Amino acid sequence: MQKRINEEIFNLGIPDMTVPALNWLNSNLDGGEQLFEWGAGASTFWFANRVAQVYSAEYFEAFYYYLKEYADSKGYENVDLILAKPDVIPQEGYIAKYSSAAGQSFKRFCLSIENYPSSSFDVVVIDGRARTKCLDLAMRAVKRGGLIIFDDTERVEYRASLNKYISSFDFIKDFKGEKATTGKMSQTSIARVS
């Protein structure tokens, strides 16, 4: 699997989420949160500047080492990067549909959150592969009152997976708008767990 490291986008230093969602997060993160993220990148360090601790799973090995070197060089002591490469044997239900990872299997990547006890996280960010499976796992991992940030919920299957848990949320806020990095129209949804 080839994936190009886009240094230009990474150097912007902002998550590839919608601008309205980032504005909301800027106003609503208090700095004490424990955060788990599927899909490392610029978002990892953006969050690390706003929460107490970030645990970030990445599947692309070269990018993982690139991020690790960056974290070390900048002195990020509150970032724990997790390498979770694609599965050697494809696992049904964990096959990616989008990006350069389409067709690859990501069970190991999704299950990386299970290395932590249930209700460990104040915030869980779903912005990687096999996102509907990640949401199922996030529901066990996030604390009551915690947030789930789910990117690209304009995709029907992503929004449907969120709706499956609607009775478990105090709210779901859909932030439609331009992506902060590319300007593409998208939707980032943020839900608070009851």
N, C-alpha and C. Protein backbone atom coordinates (compact mmCIF):
# COMPACT_ATOMS: atom_id res chain seq x y z
N MET A 1 0.84 -1.18 0.00
CA MET A 1 0.00 0.00 0.00
C MET A 1 0.89 1.24 0.00
N GLN A 2 0.68 2.11 -0.93
CA GLN A 2 1.42 3.35 -1.00
C GLN A 2 0.53 4.51 -0.55
N LYS A 3 1.09 5.38 0.24
CA LYS A 3 0.41 6.59 0.65
C LYS A 3 1.48 7.67 0.68
N ARG A 4 1.18 8.78 0.07
CA ARG A 4 2.14 9.87 0.04
C ARG A 4 1.99 10.70 1.31
N ILE A 5 3.10 11.05 1.93
CA ILE A 5 3.08 11.94 3.08
C ILE A 5 2.96 13.36 2.54
N ASN A 6 1.84 13.99 2.80
CA ASN A 6 1.60 15.33 2.31
C ASN A 6 2.09 16.33 3.35
N GLU A 7 3.35 16.70 3.24
CA GLU A 7 3.96 17.60 4.22
C GLU A 7 3.32 18.98 4.19
N GLU A 8 2.89 19.41 3.01
CA GLU A 8 2.27 20.73 2.88
C GLU A 8 1.01 20.82 3.74
N ILE A 9 0.17 19.79 3.65
CA ILE A 9 -1.06 19.78 4.46
C ILE A 9 -0.72 19.59 5.93
N PHE A 10 0.22 18.67 6.22
CA PHE A 10 0.61 18.44 7.61
C PHE A 10 1.13 19.72 8.25
N ASN A 11 1.93 20.48 7.52
CA ASN A 11 2.53 21.69 8.07
C ASN A 11 1.53 22.81 8.34
N LEU A 12 0.30 22.67 7.84
CA LEU A 12 -0.74 23.64 8.19
C LEU A 12 -1.07 23.56 9.68
N GLY A 13 -0.88 22.37 10.26
CA GLY A 13 -1.05 22.20 11.70
C GLY A 13 -2.49 22.15 12.17
N ILE A 14 -3.42 21.84 11.29
CA ILE A 14 -4.83 21.77 11.67
C ILE A 14 -5.46 20.48 11.16
N PRO A 15 -6.45 19.98 11.88
CA PRO A 15 -7.12 18.75 11.44
C PRO A 15 -7.87 18.97 10.13
N ASP A 16 -8.00 17.92 9.36
CA ASP A 16 -8.76 17.96 8.12
C ASP A 16 -10.24 17.72 8.44
N MET A 17 -10.78 18.62 9.25
CA MET A 17 -12.19 18.60 9.64
C MET A 17 -12.82 19.92 9.24
N THR A 18 -14.12 20.04 9.40
CA THR A 18 -14.77 21.28 8.99
C THR A 18 -14.42 22.42 9.95
N VAL A 19 -14.35 23.61 9.39
CA VAL A 19 -14.02 24.81 10.18
C VAL A 19 -15.02 25.01 11.32
N PRO A 20 -16.34 24.88 11.10
CA PRO A 20 -17.26 25.07 12.23
C PRO A 20 -17.03 24.07 13.37
N ALA A 21 -16.67 22.82 13.05
CA ALA A 21 -16.40 21.83 14.09
C ALA A 21 -15.16 22.23 14.89
N LEU A 22 -14.12 22.68 14.21
CA LEU A 22 -12.90 23.09 14.91
C LEU A 22 -13.16 24.31 15.79
N ASN A 23 -13.97 25.23 15.32
CA ASN A 23 -14.33 26.39 16.14
C ASN A 23 -15.05 25.95 17.41
N TRP A 24 -15.97 24.98 17.27
CA TRP A 24 -16.72 24.48 18.43
C TRP A 24 -15.76 23.80 19.41
N LEU A 25 -14.87 22.99 18.89
CA LEU A 25 -13.91 22.29 19.75
C LEU A 25 -12.98 23.27 20.47
N ASN A 26 -12.56 24.31 19.78
CA ASN A 26 -11.71 25.33 20.41
C ASN A 26 -12.38 25.94 21.63
N SER A 27 -13.70 26.05 21.58
CA SER A 27 -14.45 26.67 22.68
C SER A 27 -14.89 25.67 23.74
N ASN A 28 -14.82 24.38 23.44
CA ASN A 28 -15.42 23.40 24.35
C ASN A 28 -14.46 22.37 24.94
N LEU A 29 -13.21 22.35 24.52
CA LEU A 29 -12.22 21.48 25.17
C LEU A 29 -11.62 22.27 26.33
N ASP A 30 -11.50 21.62 27.49
CA ASP A 30 -11.04 22.37 28.67
C ASP A 30 -9.56 22.15 29.01
N GLY A 31 -8.89 21.27 28.26
CA GLY A 31 -7.46 21.07 28.48
C GLY A 31 -7.12 19.87 29.35
N GLY A 32 -8.10 19.28 30.00
CA GLY A 32 -7.83 18.15 30.87
C GLY A 32 -8.16 16.80 30.28
N GLU A 33 -8.60 16.77 29.04
CA GLU A 33 -9.13 15.54 28.45
C GLU A 33 -8.06 14.52 28.08
N GLN A 34 -8.46 13.26 28.19
CA GLN A 34 -7.73 12.11 27.65
C GLN A 34 -8.41 11.80 26.32
N LEU A 35 -7.63 11.79 25.23
CA LEU A 35 -8.22 11.67 23.89
C LEU A 35 -7.60 10.49 23.15
N PHE A 36 -8.45 9.71 22.51
CA PHE A 36 -8.00 8.65 21.61
C PHE A 36 -8.43 9.02 20.20
N GLU A 37 -7.53 8.78 19.24
CA GLU A 37 -7.78 9.17 17.86
C GLU A 37 -7.39 8.04 16.92
N TRP A 38 -8.32 7.68 16.03
CA TRP A 38 -7.98 6.80 14.92
C TRP A 38 -7.64 7.68 13.73
N GLY A 39 -6.39 7.63 13.29
CA GLY A 39 -5.96 8.43 12.15
C GLY A 39 -5.09 9.58 12.60
N ALA A 40 -3.80 9.32 12.75
CA ALA A 40 -2.87 10.35 13.23
C ALA A 40 -2.53 11.32 12.10
N GLY A 41 -2.00 12.47 12.49
CA GLY A 41 -1.60 13.49 11.53
C GLY A 41 -1.51 14.83 12.21
N ALA A 42 -1.77 15.88 11.47
CA ALA A 42 -1.74 17.23 12.05
C ALA A 42 -2.74 17.35 13.19
N SER A 43 -3.85 16.62 13.09
CA SER A 43 -4.86 16.65 14.15
C SER A 43 -4.28 16.20 15.49
N THR A 44 -3.37 15.25 15.45
CA THR A 44 -2.76 14.72 16.67
C THR A 44 -2.13 15.85 17.49
N PHE A 45 -1.42 16.71 16.83
CA PHE A 45 -0.70 17.78 17.52
C PHE A 45 -1.60 18.98 17.81
N TRP A 46 -2.59 19.19 16.95
CA TRP A 46 -3.60 20.22 17.22
C TRP A 46 -4.32 19.88 18.52
N PHE A 47 -4.74 18.62 18.65
CA PHE A 47 -5.39 18.20 19.89
C PHE A 47 -4.42 18.20 21.06
N ALA A 48 -3.18 17.80 20.83
CA ALA A 48 -2.19 17.76 21.92
C ALA A 48 -1.97 19.14 22.54
N ASN A 49 -2.20 20.18 21.76
CA ASN A 49 -2.10 21.56 22.27
C ASN A 49 -3.34 22.00 23.04
N ARG A 50 -4.38 21.12 23.08
CA ARG A 50 -5.65 21.51 23.68
C ARG A 50 -6.18 20.53 24.72
N VAL A 51 -5.54 19.36 24.85
CA VAL A 51 -5.98 18.36 25.83
C VAL A 51 -4.77 17.87 26.62
N ALA A 52 -5.03 17.05 27.65
CA ALA A 52 -3.94 16.57 28.50
C ALA A 52 -3.10 15.50 27.83
N GLN A 53 -3.75 14.54 27.14
CA GLN A 53 -3.04 13.39 26.57
C GLN A 53 -3.74 12.94 25.31
N VAL A 54 -2.94 12.61 24.28
CA VAL A 54 -3.47 12.09 23.02
C VAL A 54 -2.85 10.72 22.76
N TYR A 55 -3.71 9.74 22.49
CA TYR A 55 -3.31 8.42 22.04
C TYR A 55 -3.82 8.32 20.60
N SER A 56 -2.91 8.14 19.65
CA SER A 56 -3.30 8.22 18.25
C SER A 56 -2.81 7.00 17.48
N ALA A 57 -3.76 6.27 16.88
CA ALA A 57 -3.44 5.08 16.09
C ALA A 57 -3.23 5.45 14.63
N GLU A 58 -2.17 4.93 14.05
CA GLU A 58 -1.87 5.17 12.64
C GLU A 58 -1.52 3.84 11.98
N TYR A 59 -2.01 3.64 10.76
CA TYR A 59 -1.79 2.37 10.07
C TYR A 59 -0.64 2.43 9.07
N PHE A 60 -0.32 3.62 8.56
CA PHE A 60 0.71 3.77 7.52
C PHE A 60 2.07 3.93 8.19
N GLU A 61 2.91 2.91 8.05
CA GLU A 61 4.15 2.82 8.82
C GLU A 61 5.09 4.01 8.60
N ALA A 62 5.29 4.41 7.36
CA ALA A 62 6.20 5.53 7.08
C ALA A 62 5.68 6.82 7.73
N PHE A 63 4.38 7.02 7.70
CA PHE A 63 3.79 8.22 8.31
C PHE A 63 3.91 8.16 9.83
N TYR A 64 3.71 6.98 10.40
CA TYR A 64 3.89 6.79 11.84
C TYR A 64 5.28 7.26 12.27
N TYR A 65 6.32 6.82 11.55
CA TYR A 65 7.69 7.21 11.92
C TYR A 65 7.95 8.70 11.66
N TYR A 66 7.34 9.23 10.64
CA TYR A 66 7.42 10.66 10.36
C TYR A 66 6.83 11.45 11.54
N LEU A 67 5.66 11.03 12.01
CA LEU A 67 4.99 11.70 13.13
C LEU A 67 5.76 11.52 14.43
N LYS A 68 6.31 10.34 14.61
CA LYS A 68 7.09 10.08 15.83
C LYS A 68 8.31 10.99 15.89
N GLU A 69 8.99 11.12 14.78
CA GLU A 69 10.15 12.01 14.73
C GLU A 69 9.74 13.46 14.99
N TYR A 70 8.61 13.86 14.42
CA TYR A 70 8.10 15.22 14.63
C TYR A 70 7.78 15.45 16.11
N ALA A 71 7.07 14.50 16.72
CA ALA A 71 6.70 14.62 18.14
C ALA A 71 7.95 14.74 19.01
N ASP A 72 8.94 13.91 18.73
CA ASP A 72 10.18 13.94 19.51
C ASP A 72 10.92 15.26 19.32
N SER A 73 10.99 15.73 18.08
CA SER A 73 11.74 16.96 17.79
C SER A 73 11.08 18.19 18.41
N LYS A 74 9.75 18.16 18.56
CA LYS A 74 9.02 19.30 19.12
C LYS A 74 8.75 19.15 20.61
N GLY A 75 9.16 18.02 21.19
CA GLY A 75 9.01 17.82 22.63
C GLY A 75 7.59 17.53 23.10
N TYR A 76 6.81 16.88 22.28
CA TYR A 76 5.43 16.52 22.68
C TYR A 76 5.48 15.30 23.60
N GLU A 77 5.38 15.54 24.87
CA GLU A 77 5.38 14.45 25.85
C GLU A 77 3.99 13.88 26.09
N ASN A 78 2.96 14.57 25.60
CA ASN A 78 1.59 14.12 25.81
C ASN A 78 1.00 13.44 24.57
N VAL A 79 1.86 12.95 23.69
CA VAL A 79 1.41 12.24 22.49
C VAL A 79 1.96 10.81 22.52
N ASP A 80 1.06 9.85 22.44
CA ASP A 80 1.43 8.43 22.38
C ASP A 80 0.95 7.89 21.04
N LEU A 81 1.87 7.68 20.12
CA LEU A 81 1.52 7.18 18.79
C LEU A 81 1.53 5.65 18.80
N ILE A 82 0.54 5.08 18.13
CA ILE A 82 0.35 3.63 18.10
C ILE A 82 0.40 3.18 16.64
N LEU A 83 1.33 2.30 16.31
CA LEU A 83 1.39 1.75 14.96
C LEU A 83 0.51 0.51 14.89
N ALA A 84 -0.48 0.54 14.02
CA ALA A 84 -1.40 -0.59 13.85
C ALA A 84 -1.57 -0.82 12.35
N LYS A 85 -0.63 -1.56 11.78
CA LYS A 85 -0.59 -1.78 10.34
C LYS A 85 -1.81 -2.60 9.87
N PRO A 86 -2.14 -2.50 8.58
CA PRO A 86 -3.26 -3.29 8.05
C PRO A 86 -3.06 -4.78 8.30
N ASP A 87 -4.17 -5.49 8.36
CA ASP A 87 -4.15 -6.92 8.62
C ASP A 87 -3.52 -7.66 7.43
N VAL A 88 -2.78 -8.71 7.73
CA VAL A 88 -2.21 -9.56 6.67
C VAL A 88 -3.32 -10.37 6.02
N ILE A 89 -4.21 -10.90 6.86
CA ILE A 89 -5.35 -11.68 6.36
C ILE A 89 -6.59 -10.78 6.46
N PRO A 90 -7.29 -10.53 5.36
CA PRO A 90 -8.46 -9.65 5.39
C PRO A 90 -9.52 -10.13 6.38
N GLN A 91 -10.08 -9.18 7.11
CA GLN A 91 -11.10 -9.47 8.11
C GLN A 91 -12.42 -8.83 7.67
N GLU A 92 -13.44 -9.66 7.49
CA GLU A 92 -14.74 -9.16 7.04
C GLU A 92 -15.25 -8.08 7.99
N GLY A 93 -15.78 -7.02 7.41
CA GLY A 93 -16.32 -5.92 8.19
C GLY A 93 -15.30 -4.83 8.50
N TYR A 94 -14.04 -5.09 8.20
CA TYR A 94 -12.98 -4.13 8.50
C TYR A 94 -12.26 -3.65 7.23
N ILE A 95 -12.88 -3.83 6.09
CA ILE A 95 -12.26 -3.46 4.82
C ILE A 95 -12.55 -1.98 4.54
N ALA A 96 -11.50 -1.21 4.26
CA ALA A 96 -11.65 0.22 3.96
C ALA A 96 -12.26 0.40 2.58
N LYS A 97 -13.09 1.45 2.47
CA LYS A 97 -13.74 1.75 1.20
C LYS A 97 -13.17 2.98 0.52
N TYR A 98 -12.48 3.82 1.27
CA TYR A 98 -12.06 5.12 0.73
C TYR A 98 -10.54 5.27 0.77
N SER A 99 -10.02 6.16 -0.04
CA SER A 99 -8.63 6.61 -0.07
C SER A 99 -7.70 5.54 -0.63
N SER A 100 -6.40 5.79 -0.45
CA SER A 100 -5.39 4.85 -0.95
C SER A 100 -5.43 3.53 -0.18
N ALA A 101 -6.17 3.50 0.92
CA ALA A 101 -6.29 2.28 1.72
C ALA A 101 -7.46 1.39 1.30
N ALA A 102 -8.22 1.81 0.30
CA ALA A 102 -9.39 1.05 -0.12
C ALA A 102 -9.00 -0.40 -0.43
N GLY A 103 -9.79 -1.32 0.14
CA GLY A 103 -9.56 -2.74 -0.05
C GLY A 103 -8.69 -3.39 1.00
N GLN A 104 -7.99 -2.59 1.79
CA GLN A 104 -7.16 -3.12 2.87
C GLN A 104 -8.04 -3.41 4.09
N SER A 105 -7.58 -4.30 4.94
CA SER A 105 -8.31 -4.72 6.14
C SER A 105 -7.69 -4.07 7.38
N PHE A 106 -8.55 -3.56 8.30
CA PHE A 106 -8.07 -2.75 9.41
C PHE A 106 -8.60 -3.18 10.78
N LYS A 107 -8.75 -4.46 10.99
CA LYS A 107 -9.23 -4.92 12.31
C LYS A 107 -8.22 -4.57 13.40
N ARG A 108 -6.94 -4.84 13.18
CA ARG A 108 -5.90 -4.53 14.17
C ARG A 108 -5.92 -3.03 14.51
N PHE A 109 -6.05 -2.20 13.49
CA PHE A 109 -6.12 -0.75 13.66
C PHE A 109 -7.32 -0.37 14.54
N CYS A 110 -8.49 -0.89 14.21
CA CYS A 110 -9.70 -0.58 14.99
C CYS A 110 -9.58 -1.05 16.43
N LEU A 111 -9.06 -2.25 16.62
CA LEU A 111 -9.00 -2.83 17.97
C LEU A 111 -7.89 -2.23 18.83
N SER A 112 -7.10 -1.33 18.28
CA SER A 112 -6.03 -0.71 19.08
C SER A 112 -6.58 0.02 20.30
N ILE A 113 -7.82 0.45 20.27
CA ILE A 113 -8.43 1.14 21.41
C ILE A 113 -8.70 0.18 22.56
N GLU A 114 -8.74 -1.12 22.27
CA GLU A 114 -9.02 -2.10 23.31
C GLU A 114 -7.80 -2.37 24.21
N ASN A 115 -6.69 -1.71 23.94
CA ASN A 115 -5.54 -1.80 24.84
C ASN A 115 -5.74 -0.98 26.11
N TYR A 116 -6.85 -0.27 26.19
CA TYR A 116 -7.15 0.60 27.33
C TYR A 116 -8.46 0.14 27.97
N PRO A 117 -8.59 0.34 29.28
CA PRO A 117 -9.83 -0.06 29.95
C PRO A 117 -11.05 0.69 29.41
N SER A 118 -12.22 0.11 29.59
CA SER A 118 -13.43 0.81 29.16
C SER A 118 -13.56 2.13 29.91
N SER A 119 -14.23 3.05 29.28
CA SER A 119 -14.46 4.40 29.82
C SER A 119 -13.17 5.14 30.15
N SER A 120 -12.15 4.94 29.33
CA SER A 120 -10.85 5.59 29.55
C SER A 120 -10.77 7.01 29.01
N PHE A 121 -11.62 7.34 28.02
CA PHE A 121 -11.39 8.56 27.26
C PHE A 121 -12.53 9.57 27.39
N ASP A 122 -12.11 10.83 27.45
CA ASP A 122 -13.07 11.94 27.44
C ASP A 122 -13.49 12.29 26.02
N VAL A 123 -12.61 12.01 25.07
CA VAL A 123 -12.84 12.32 23.66
C VAL A 123 -12.31 11.17 22.82
N VAL A 124 -13.10 10.75 21.83
CA VAL A 124 -12.65 9.77 20.85
C VAL A 124 -12.88 10.36 19.46
N VAL A 125 -11.83 10.37 18.65
CA VAL A 125 -11.89 10.93 17.30
C VAL A 125 -11.87 9.78 16.29
N ILE A 126 -12.88 9.75 15.44
CA ILE A 126 -12.99 8.72 14.41
C ILE A 126 -12.72 9.38 13.06
N ASP A 127 -11.48 9.17 12.58
CA ASP A 127 -11.06 9.81 11.34
C ASP A 127 -10.03 8.93 10.64
N GLY A 128 -10.25 7.62 10.70
CA GLY A 128 -9.33 6.68 10.09
C GLY A 128 -10.07 5.73 9.17
N ARG A 129 -9.76 4.47 9.25
CA ARG A 129 -10.35 3.44 8.39
C ARG A 129 -11.37 2.61 9.16
N ALA A 130 -12.28 1.96 8.42
CA ALA A 130 -13.33 1.11 9.00
C ALA A 130 -14.06 1.86 10.11
N ARG A 131 -14.52 3.06 9.80
CA ARG A 131 -15.05 3.96 10.83
C ARG A 131 -16.30 3.46 11.53
N THR A 132 -17.15 2.71 10.85
CA THR A 132 -18.35 2.22 11.54
C THR A 132 -17.96 1.23 12.64
N LYS A 133 -16.95 0.41 12.39
CA LYS A 133 -16.45 -0.49 13.44
C LYS A 133 -15.80 0.31 14.57
N CYS A 134 -15.09 1.38 14.20
CA CYS A 134 -14.47 2.23 15.23
C CYS A 134 -15.52 2.82 16.14
N LEU A 135 -16.64 3.24 15.59
CA LEU A 135 -17.70 3.81 16.43
C LEU A 135 -18.20 2.78 17.43
N ASP A 136 -18.42 1.55 17.00
CA ASP A 136 -18.87 0.51 17.93
C ASP A 136 -17.89 0.37 19.09
N LEU A 137 -16.61 0.40 18.81
CA LEU A 137 -15.59 0.28 19.85
C LEU A 137 -15.49 1.55 20.70
N ALA A 138 -15.71 2.69 20.09
CA ALA A 138 -15.65 3.95 20.82
C ALA A 138 -16.72 4.03 21.90
N MET A 139 -17.86 3.43 21.65
CA MET A 139 -18.97 3.51 22.62
C MET A 139 -18.58 2.85 23.95
N ARG A 140 -17.70 1.87 23.92
CA ARG A 140 -17.22 1.23 25.15
C ARG A 140 -16.10 2.05 25.79
N ALA A 141 -15.36 2.75 24.96
CA ALA A 141 -14.14 3.40 25.43
C ALA A 141 -14.34 4.81 25.98
N VAL A 142 -15.40 5.48 25.56
CA VAL A 142 -15.61 6.87 25.97
C VAL A 142 -16.38 6.92 27.29
N LYS A 143 -16.02 7.89 28.11
CA LYS A 143 -16.69 8.10 29.40
C LYS A 143 -18.08 8.69 29.20
N ARG A 144 -18.94 8.53 30.19
CA ARG A 144 -20.23 9.24 30.17
C ARG A 144 -19.94 10.73 30.20
N GLY A 145 -20.61 11.46 29.35
CA GLY A 145 -20.35 12.88 29.22
C GLY A 145 -19.23 13.21 28.27
N GLY A 146 -18.58 12.17 27.74
CA GLY A 146 -17.48 12.37 26.80
C GLY A 146 -17.98 12.62 25.38
N LEU A 147 -17.05 13.01 24.54
CA LEU A 147 -17.37 13.37 23.16
C LEU A 147 -16.85 12.34 22.18
N ILE A 148 -17.64 12.11 21.14
CA ILE A 148 -17.19 11.36 19.97
C ILE A 148 -17.21 12.33 18.80
N ILE A 149 -16.07 12.45 18.15
CA ILE A 149 -15.92 13.31 16.97
C ILE A 149 -15.80 12.37 15.77
N PHE A 150 -16.75 12.48 14.86
CA PHE A 150 -16.82 11.56 13.72
C PHE A 150 -16.75 12.40 12.45
N ASP A 151 -15.68 12.23 11.69
CA ASP A 151 -15.48 13.07 10.51
C ASP A 151 -16.10 12.43 9.27
N ASP A 152 -16.47 13.29 8.33
CA ASP A 152 -17.01 12.92 7.02
C ASP A 152 -18.38 12.25 7.12
N THR A 153 -19.23 12.73 8.03
CA THR A 153 -20.54 12.11 8.21
C THR A 153 -21.56 12.52 7.16
N GLU A 154 -21.09 13.22 6.12
CA GLU A 154 -21.97 13.40 4.96
C GLU A 154 -22.11 12.08 4.21
N ARG A 155 -21.20 11.14 4.46
CA ARG A 155 -21.30 9.80 3.88
C ARG A 155 -22.42 9.05 4.60
N VAL A 156 -23.33 8.52 3.81
CA VAL A 156 -24.56 7.94 4.35
C VAL A 156 -24.29 6.88 5.41
N GLU A 157 -23.33 5.96 5.16
CA GLU A 157 -23.10 4.88 6.11
C GLU A 157 -22.52 5.39 7.43
N TYR A 158 -21.76 6.49 7.38
CA TYR A 158 -21.20 7.04 8.61
C TYR A 158 -22.30 7.67 9.46
N ARG A 159 -23.17 8.43 8.82
CA ARG A 159 -24.26 9.06 9.57
C ARG A 159 -25.21 7.99 10.11
N ALA A 160 -25.46 6.95 9.33
CA ALA A 160 -26.35 5.87 9.77
C ALA A 160 -25.77 5.17 11.00
N SER A 161 -24.46 5.00 11.04
CA SER A 161 -23.85 4.34 12.20
C SER A 161 -23.98 5.22 13.45
N LEU A 162 -23.88 6.52 13.29
CA LEU A 162 -24.11 7.43 14.43
C LEU A 162 -25.56 7.35 14.90
N ASN A 163 -26.48 7.34 13.95
CA ASN A 163 -27.91 7.29 14.29
C ASN A 163 -28.27 6.01 15.04
N LYS A 164 -27.52 4.95 14.83
CA LYS A 164 -27.75 3.68 15.52
C LYS A 164 -27.63 3.86 17.04
N TYR A 165 -26.83 4.83 17.47
CA TYR A 165 -26.60 5.07 18.89
C TYR A 165 -27.29 6.33 19.41
N ILE A 166 -28.24 6.85 18.66
CA ILE A 166 -28.81 8.16 18.98
C ILE A 166 -29.37 8.22 20.41
N SER A 167 -29.91 7.11 20.89
CA SER A 167 -30.47 7.11 22.26
C SER A 167 -29.37 7.12 23.33
N SER A 168 -28.14 6.91 22.94
CA SER A 168 -27.01 6.93 23.88
C SER A 168 -26.33 8.29 23.95
N PHE A 169 -26.84 9.27 23.19
CA PHE A 169 -26.22 10.58 23.14
C PHE A 169 -27.12 11.65 23.74
N ASP A 170 -26.50 12.61 24.44
CA ASP A 170 -27.23 13.81 24.86
C ASP A 170 -27.52 14.68 23.66
N PHE A 171 -26.57 14.72 22.72
CA PHE A 171 -26.77 15.48 21.49
C PHE A 171 -25.83 14.97 20.41
N ILE A 172 -26.20 15.26 19.18
CA ILE A 172 -25.31 15.11 18.03
C ILE A 172 -25.36 16.46 17.31
N LYS A 173 -24.22 17.08 17.16
CA LYS A 173 -24.12 18.33 16.41
C LYS A 173 -23.43 18.04 15.09
N ASP A 174 -24.09 18.42 14.00
CA ASP A 174 -23.52 18.24 12.67
C ASP A 174 -22.96 19.58 12.20
N PHE A 175 -21.68 19.61 11.94
CA PHE A 175 -21.00 20.84 11.52
C PHE A 175 -20.66 20.71 10.03
N LYS A 176 -21.52 21.28 9.20
CA LYS A 176 -21.30 21.28 7.76
C LYS A 176 -20.45 22.50 7.40
N GLY A 177 -19.59 22.32 6.41
CA GLY A 177 -18.80 23.45 5.96
C GLY A 177 -17.56 22.98 5.23
N GLU A 178 -16.65 23.92 5.03
CA GLU A 178 -15.41 23.62 4.33
C GLU A 178 -14.42 22.95 5.27
N LYS A 179 -13.67 22.00 4.72
CA LYS A 179 -12.57 21.41 5.47
C LYS A 179 -11.50 22.49 5.68
N ALA A 180 -10.92 22.50 6.86
CA ALA A 180 -9.95 23.54 7.20
C ALA A 180 -8.69 23.48 6.34
N THR A 181 -8.36 22.31 5.83
CA THR A 181 -7.11 22.17 5.06
C THR A 181 -7.31 22.24 3.56
N THR A 182 -8.37 21.63 3.06
CA THR A 182 -8.55 21.52 1.61
C THR A 182 -9.64 22.42 1.06
N GLY A 183 -10.52 22.91 1.92
CA GLY A 183 -11.64 23.73 1.46
C GLY A 183 -12.79 22.93 0.88
N LYS A 184 -12.67 21.61 0.84
CA LYS A 184 -13.75 20.77 0.33
C LYS A 184 -14.93 20.80 1.30
N MET A 185 -16.14 20.74 0.75
CA MET A 185 -17.32 20.71 1.60
C MET A 185 -17.45 19.33 2.24
N SER A 186 -17.81 19.32 3.51
CA SER A 186 -17.89 18.07 4.26
C SER A 186 -18.78 18.29 5.48
N GLN A 187 -18.80 17.29 6.34
CA GLN A 187 -19.52 17.39 7.61
C GLN A 187 -18.76 16.63 8.68
N THR A 188 -18.53 17.29 9.80
CA THR A 188 -17.97 16.65 10.98
C THR A 188 -19.05 16.65 12.03
N SER A 189 -19.30 15.50 12.64
CA SER A 189 -20.33 15.41 13.68
C SER A 189 -19.67 15.18 15.04
N ILE A 190 -20.25 15.83 16.06
CA ILE A 190 -19.77 15.68 17.42
C ILE A 190 -20.94 15.27 18.28
N ALA A 191 -20.79 14.16 19.00
CA ALA A 191 -21.85 13.64 19.87
C ALA A 191 -21.35 13.57 21.30
N ARG A 192 -22.22 13.89 22.25
CA ARG A 192 -21.88 13.73 23.66
C ARG A 192 -22.60 12.52 24.21
N VAL A 193 -21.87 11.62 24.83
CA VAL A 193 -22.41 10.37 25.35
C VAL A 193 -23.15 10.61 26.65
N SER A 194 -24.35 10.07 26.74
CA SER A 194 -25.20 10.24 27.94
C SER A 194 -24.61 9.51 29.13
